């Protein structure tokens, strides 16, 4: 049995994400949870002709049933960004939501793989980890911040610039998952002019703002985020259920990769094996421009991580 749970399944990210997860034939049960509308989403998605049995759960009283027996939990729950909001503006609302989900996960699905989409990821992942630590069930190789959208954007934007097929373009994006903490390692792909590099970095770091502006107040990056979330979750399933070798993604997790800069969490490339993360790649070689980006990342990311840890500890 492979039970996948989407927490926040009725939202702008949750609905398309649930659709994409239902398409994975490795999943035998798909539990959809939210505070509103989940039974309808579950009924709709259940008509798709893939093996997973779909169930819908709604409200706090049904969270236990949704999570119990979970193999993988994908969490887009929380409020979306609105025009003018930064990811940090979301902190006070989403931090409480994530902490509550973490407590329930610790009780009802302590061994599940957890994929956190809820923003701001730079703080919500430390919150989730800290809560699991408080309950004695934290496994650093099973709790992930989904930063895949940064890689997806980097691949798309570089491919567009170079006239290539995006599937042939792989760009590692390290650091964190907001603004200046996003460090695209463009130098590993090739040489860019100063103007090209500056434009690419800005667009990769602030691609979310581009979508928010284009939607004119009607939403944020929901569809591309759903795609990225499904890609990441499917990578875990390919490695741990289908036992495929060489499955690799970048993700934000607890690691000592950037320990020298006092960063307890960091996004870097990992390789998944049958039991989760089997290898964490060290910092890649950075050119002088990327070193400057990294330096700016460290300052902001350190504060965001500590903010999440402090929030979780204040709730003990």
Protein backbone atom coordinates (compact mmCIF):
# COMPACT_ATOMS: atom_id res chain seq x y z
CA UNK A 1 0.00 0.00 0.00
CA UNK A 2 1.29 3.43 -0.95
CA UNK A 3 -0.87 6.15 0.56
CA UNK A 4 -0.24 9.71 -0.60
CA UNK A 5 -1.80 12.60 1.28
CA UNK A 6 -2.25 16.14 -0.02
CA UNK A 7 -2.82 18.61 2.81
CA UNK A 8 -4.42 21.73 1.37
CA UNK A 9 -5.95 19.78 -1.50
CA UNK A 10 -8.80 22.17 -2.27
CA UNK A 11 -6.63 25.23 -2.92
CA UNK A 12 -5.12 26.74 -6.03
CA UNK A 13 -2.04 24.54 -5.81
CA UNK A 14 -3.74 21.62 -4.09
CA UNK A 15 -6.29 20.82 -6.79
CA UNK A 16 -3.94 20.55 -9.80
CA UNK A 17 -1.33 18.90 -7.55
CA UNK A 18 -3.86 16.27 -6.49
CA UNK A 19 -4.75 15.68 -10.14
CA UNK A 20 -1.10 15.11 -11.04
CA UNK A 21 -0.50 12.83 -8.05
CA UNK A 22 -3.57 10.75 -8.97
CA UNK A 23 -1.92 10.10 -12.34
CA UNK A 24 0.96 8.23 -10.68
CA UNK A 25 0.24 4.49 -10.94
CA UNK A 26 2.50 3.72 -7.98
CA UNK A 27 -0.06 5.23 -5.59
CA UNK A 28 -2.78 2.93 -4.24
CA UNK A 29 -4.57 5.46 -2.04
CA UNK A 30 -4.84 9.24 -2.33
CA UNK A 31 -6.18 11.10 0.70
CA UNK A 32 -7.16 14.72 0.11
CA UNK A 33 -7.43 17.01 3.15
CA UNK A 34 -8.44 20.64 3.56
CA UNK A 35 -10.67 22.81 5.71
CA UNK A 36 -13.27 23.22 2.93
CA UNK A 37 -14.48 21.59 -0.30
CA UNK A 38 -12.35 18.44 -0.18
CA UNK A 39 -15.15 15.89 -0.70
CA UNK A 40 -16.01 17.54 -4.01
CA UNK A 41 -12.41 17.61 -5.18
CA UNK A 42 -12.05 13.95 -4.19
CA UNK A 43 -15.20 12.95 -6.06
CA UNK A 44 -14.02 14.73 -9.20
CA UNK A 45 -10.51 13.28 -9.15
CA UNK A 46 -11.76 9.78 -8.27
CA UNK A 47 -13.16 9.43 -11.79
CA UNK A 48 -9.65 9.39 -13.28
CA UNK A 49 -8.76 5.86 -14.43
CA UNK A 50 -5.63 5.21 -12.40
CA UNK A 51 -5.35 2.71 -9.51
CA UNK A 52 -5.42 5.08 -6.53
CA UNK A 53 -8.56 5.05 -4.40
CA UNK A 54 -9.42 8.66 -3.57
CA UNK A 55 -10.87 9.84 -0.26
CA UNK A 56 -11.71 13.35 0.92
CA UNK A 57 -11.32 14.65 4.46
CA UNK A 58 -12.40 17.98 5.86
CA UNK A 59 -11.69 19.88 9.08
CA UNK A 60 -9.56 19.25 12.17
CA UNK A 61 -11.60 16.24 13.31
CA UNK A 62 -10.70 14.30 10.15
CA UNK A 63 -6.99 15.12 9.97
CA UNK A 64 -6.05 11.97 11.89
CA UNK A 65 -7.91 9.75 9.43
CA UNK A 66 -6.34 11.56 6.49
CA UNK A 67 -2.77 11.16 7.76
CA UNK A 68 -2.87 7.70 9.32
CA UNK A 69 -0.89 5.24 7.23
CA UNK A 70 0.59 7.92 4.97
CA UNK A 71 3.63 6.96 2.93
CA UNK A 72 4.16 10.46 1.51
CA UNK A 73 2.59 13.76 2.56
CA UNK A 74 2.60 16.78 0.27
CA UNK A 75 1.69 20.07 1.92
CA UNK A 76 0.60 23.12 -0.09
CA UNK A 77 -1.67 24.25 2.79
CA UNK A 78 -1.71 27.93 3.70
CA UNK A 79 -2.72 31.28 2.30
CA UNK A 80 -1.36 32.31 -1.11
CA UNK A 81 0.64 35.41 -1.85
CA UNK A 82 -1.30 38.48 -2.89
CA UNK A 83 0.05 41.45 -4.89
CA UNK A 84 2.72 43.28 -2.91
CA UNK A 85 3.24 40.44 -0.44
CA UNK A 86 6.61 38.81 0.05
CA UNK A 87 6.93 35.24 1.23
CA UNK A 88 7.91 36.60 4.61
CA UNK A 89 4.57 38.41 4.85
CA UNK A 90 2.92 35.01 4.88
CA UNK A 91 4.86 33.87 7.90
CA UNK A 92 2.50 34.59 10.78
CA UNK A 93 -0.46 32.86 9.13
CA UNK A 94 1.27 29.93 7.50
CA UNK A 95 3.64 29.19 10.39
CA UNK A 96 0.72 28.30 12.64
CA UNK A 97 -0.88 26.14 9.95
CA UNK A 98 2.35 24.24 9.30
CA UNK A 99 3.07 23.73 13.01
CA UNK A 100 -0.38 22.19 13.44
CA UNK A 101 0.14 19.83 10.51
CA UNK A 102 3.57 18.89 11.88
CA UNK A 103 2.09 17.97 15.26
CA UNK A 104 -0.50 15.78 13.58
CA UNK A 105 2.15 14.17 11.37
CA UNK A 106 4.28 13.37 14.42
CA UNK A 107 1.33 11.57 16.01
CA UNK A 108 -0.28 9.83 13.05
CA UNK A 109 2.38 9.44 10.31
CA UNK A 110 5.82 9.81 11.91
CA UNK A 111 7.63 7.77 9.24
CA UNK A 112 6.13 9.46 6.19
CA UNK A 113 8.11 11.35 3.58
CA UNK A 114 7.07 14.99 3.94
CA UNK A 115 7.18 17.48 1.05
CA UNK A 116 6.55 21.05 2.23
CA UNK A 117 5.33 23.61 -0.29
CA UNK A 118 3.73 26.04 2.19
CA UNK A 119 5.49 29.38 2.12
CA UNK A 120 7.81 30.74 3.33
CA UNK A 121 9.68 27.45 2.85
CA UNK A 122 12.86 28.92 4.36
CA UNK A 123 10.97 29.08 7.67
CA UNK A 124 8.23 26.46 7.39
CA UNK A 125 10.68 23.57 6.90
CA UNK A 126 12.60 24.47 10.10
CA UNK A 127 9.23 24.77 11.90
CA UNK A 128 8.16 21.32 10.74
CA UNK A 129 11.53 19.79 11.64
CA UNK A 130 11.54 21.39 15.08
CA UNK A 131 8.05 20.12 15.89
CA UNK A 132 9.01 16.59 14.83
CA UNK A 133 12.15 16.88 17.00
CA UNK A 134 9.97 17.83 19.96
CA UNK A 135 8.07 14.58 19.43
CA UNK A 136 11.25 12.53 18.91
CA UNK A 137 10.42 11.49 15.35
CA UNK A 138 12.48 13.78 13.13
CA UNK A 139 14.33 12.11 10.25
CA UNK A 140 16.35 14.70 8.26
CA UNK A 141 16.28 12.46 5.20
CA UNK A 142 12.47 12.43 5.05
CA UNK A 143 11.50 16.10 5.51
CA UNK A 144 11.91 18.32 2.48
CA UNK A 145 11.18 21.82 1.31
CA UNK A 146 10.04 21.70 -2.30
CA UNK A 147 12.21 24.15 -4.24
CA UNK A 148 11.68 22.37 -7.55
CA UNK A 149 9.86 25.33 -9.09
CA UNK A 150 13.14 27.27 -9.01
CA UNK A 151 14.77 24.50 -11.08
CA UNK A 152 11.80 24.31 -13.43
CA UNK A 153 11.95 28.05 -14.02
CA UNK A 154 15.71 28.02 -14.51
CA UNK A 155 15.41 25.21 -17.06
CA UNK A 156 12.59 26.98 -18.93
CA UNK A 157 14.20 30.41 -19.00
CA UNK A 158 17.66 29.20 -20.04
CA UNK A 159 16.18 26.93 -22.71
CA UNK A 160 14.15 29.85 -24.06
CA UNK A 161 17.24 32.04 -24.21
CA UNK A 162 19.42 29.39 -25.85
CA UNK A 163 16.77 27.92 -28.16
CA UNK A 164 17.02 24.47 -26.56
CA UNK A 165 14.55 21.84 -25.42
CA UNK A 166 13.99 22.41 -21.67
CA UNK A 167 14.39 18.68 -20.98
CA UNK A 168 18.01 19.06 -22.10
CA UNK A 169 18.68 21.92 -19.68
CA UNK A 170 19.44 21.16 -16.04
CA UNK A 171 20.34 24.06 -13.78
CA UNK A 172 21.00 23.49 -10.08
CA UNK A 173 19.48 26.12 -7.83
CA UNK A 174 20.88 26.18 -4.30
CA UNK A 175 20.31 28.16 -1.10
CA UNK A 176 16.71 28.82 -0.19
CA UNK A 177 13.35 29.43 -1.81
CA UNK A 178 12.66 33.15 -1.84
CA UNK A 179 14.18 36.15 -3.55
CA UNK A 180 17.85 36.67 -2.78
CA UNK A 181 18.19 33.26 -1.13
CA UNK A 182 17.70 31.61 -4.55
CA UNK A 183 21.11 31.01 -6.15
CA UNK A 184 21.02 29.61 -9.70
CA UNK A 185 24.31 27.95 -10.66
CA UNK A 186 24.27 29.10 -14.27
CA UNK A 187 28.03 28.76 -14.73
CA UNK A 188 27.75 24.97 -14.71
CA UNK A 189 25.64 25.15 -17.86
CA UNK A 190 27.64 27.61 -19.92
CA UNK A 191 28.76 31.17 -20.46
CA UNK A 192 26.37 34.12 -20.37
CA UNK A 193 26.88 37.81 -20.99
CA UNK A 194 26.53 40.09 -17.98
CA UNK A 195 23.14 41.29 -19.25
CA UNK A 196 21.91 37.72 -19.86
CA UNK A 197 23.07 36.55 -16.47
CA UNK A 198 21.53 39.48 -14.64
CA UNK A 199 18.19 39.02 -16.39
CA UNK A 200 18.14 35.27 -15.81
CA UNK A 201 19.01 35.54 -12.13
CA UNK A 202 16.37 38.18 -11.53
CA UNK A 203 13.71 36.19 -13.36
CA UNK A 204 14.55 32.93 -11.54
CA UNK A 205 14.63 34.66 -8.15
CA UNK A 206 11.43 36.64 -8.68
CA UNK A 207 9.47 34.49 -11.13
CA UNK A 208 6.64 34.33 -8.62
CA UNK A 209 6.23 38.09 -8.76
CA UNK A 210 5.96 37.86 -12.54
CA UNK A 211 3.01 35.48 -12.21
CA UNK A 212 1.31 37.49 -9.43
CA UNK A 213 1.51 40.63 -11.58
CA UNK A 214 0.27 38.83 -14.71
CA UNK A 215 -2.73 37.43 -12.82
CA UNK A 216 -3.55 40.98 -11.74
CA UNK A 217 -4.49 40.10 -8.19
CA UNK A 218 -6.31 36.90 -9.09
CA UNK A 219 -3.68 34.52 -7.72
CA UNK A 220 -0.08 33.41 -7.63
CA UNK A 221 2.02 30.64 -9.21
CA UNK A 222 -0.35 27.74 -8.60
CA UNK A 223 -0.19 25.61 -11.74
CA UNK A 224 3.59 25.66 -12.17
CA UNK A 225 3.98 25.03 -8.43
CA UNK A 226 1.63 22.05 -8.65
CA UNK A 227 3.72 20.64 -11.50
CA UNK A 228 6.93 21.15 -9.50
CA UNK A 229 5.43 19.60 -6.36
CA UNK A 230 4.26 16.55 -8.28
CA UNK A 231 7.65 16.19 -9.97
CA UNK A 232 9.38 16.17 -6.60
CA UNK A 233 6.94 13.75 -4.97
CA UNK A 234 7.14 11.44 -7.97
CA UNK A 235 10.94 11.44 -7.71
CA UNK A 236 10.69 10.14 -4.14
CA UNK A 237 8.20 7.47 -5.21
CA UNK A 238 10.35 6.42 -8.17
CA UNK A 239 13.33 5.91 -5.87
CA UNK A 240 11.65 4.39 -2.81
CA UNK A 241 8.74 2.43 -4.32
CA UNK A 242 9.79 1.64 -7.89
CA UNK A 243 13.42 1.30 -6.70
CA UNK A 244 14.80 3.26 -9.65
CA UNK A 245 18.46 4.24 -9.32
CA UNK A 246 19.97 7.67 -9.83
CA UNK A 247 16.89 9.74 -8.96
CA UNK A 248 18.12 13.21 -8.11
CA UNK A 249 16.58 16.60 -7.26
CA UNK A 250 17.52 19.77 -5.42
CA UNK A 251 15.65 20.27 -2.16
CA UNK A 252 15.72 22.36 1.03
CA UNK A 253 16.56 20.10 3.97
CA UNK A 254 18.49 19.88 7.20
CA UNK A 255 22.10 19.39 6.20
CA UNK A 256 25.65 20.40 7.10
CA UNK A 257 26.46 21.41 3.51
CA UNK A 258 26.61 25.09 4.50
CA UNK A 259 27.58 24.52 8.12
CA UNK A 260 30.58 26.85 7.85
CA UNK A 261 28.10 29.68 7.23
CA UNK A 262 25.91 28.62 10.18
CA UNK A 263 23.07 27.43 7.97
CA UNK A 264 21.29 24.44 9.50
CA UNK A 265 19.05 24.04 6.43
CA UNK A 266 20.02 24.50 2.80
CA UNK A 267 18.80 23.62 -0.68
CA UNK A 268 21.23 21.45 -2.59
CA UNK A 269 21.13 18.46 -4.92
CA UNK A 270 20.39 15.12 -3.31
CA UNK A 271 20.20 11.57 -4.62
CA UNK A 272 17.28 9.45 -3.47
CA UNK A 273 17.62 5.77 -2.65
CA UNK A 274 15.24 3.08 -1.38
CA UNK A 275 15.14 4.64 2.11
CA UNK A 276 15.08 8.33 1.19
CA UNK A 277 18.12 10.53 0.74
CA UNK A 278 21.24 8.45 0.22
CA UNK A 279 23.59 11.24 -0.85
CA UNK A 280 23.69 15.00 -0.29
CA UNK A 281 25.87 16.86 -2.76
CA UNK A 282 28.28 19.48 -1.37
CA UNK A 283 28.26 23.06 -2.53
CA UNK A 284 28.98 23.18 -6.26
CA UNK A 285 31.78 25.26 -7.75
CA UNK A 286 30.64 28.88 -7.98
CA UNK A 287 32.02 31.62 -10.19
CA UNK A 288 32.60 35.11 -8.80
CA UNK A 289 29.07 36.28 -9.62
CA UNK A 290 27.52 33.25 -7.93
CA UNK A 291 29.77 33.69 -4.90
CA UNK A 292 28.30 37.18 -4.48
CA UNK A 293 24.79 35.76 -4.77
CA UNK A 294 25.67 33.09 -2.23
CA UNK A 295 26.97 35.68 0.24
CA UNK A 296 23.69 37.61 0.00
CA UNK A 297 21.75 34.36 0.35
CA UNK A 298 23.52 33.39 3.57
CA UNK A 299 22.59 36.58 5.41
CA UNK A 300 18.89 36.40 4.58
CA UNK A 301 18.53 32.65 4.85
CA UNK A 302 20.13 32.45 8.28
CA UNK A 303 17.52 34.84 9.66
CA UNK A 304 14.61 33.00 8.03
CA UNK A 305 15.73 29.65 9.41
CA UNK A 306 16.12 31.04 12.91
CA UNK A 307 12.71 32.70 12.69
CA UNK A 308 11.13 29.32 11.99
CA UNK A 309 13.02 27.56 14.79
CA UNK A 310 12.13 30.31 17.27
CA UNK A 311 8.45 30.12 16.29
CA UNK A 312 8.32 26.36 16.80
CA UNK A 313 10.11 26.53 20.15
CA UNK A 314 7.77 29.27 21.37
CA UNK A 315 4.85 26.89 20.87
CA UNK A 316 6.26 24.15 23.13
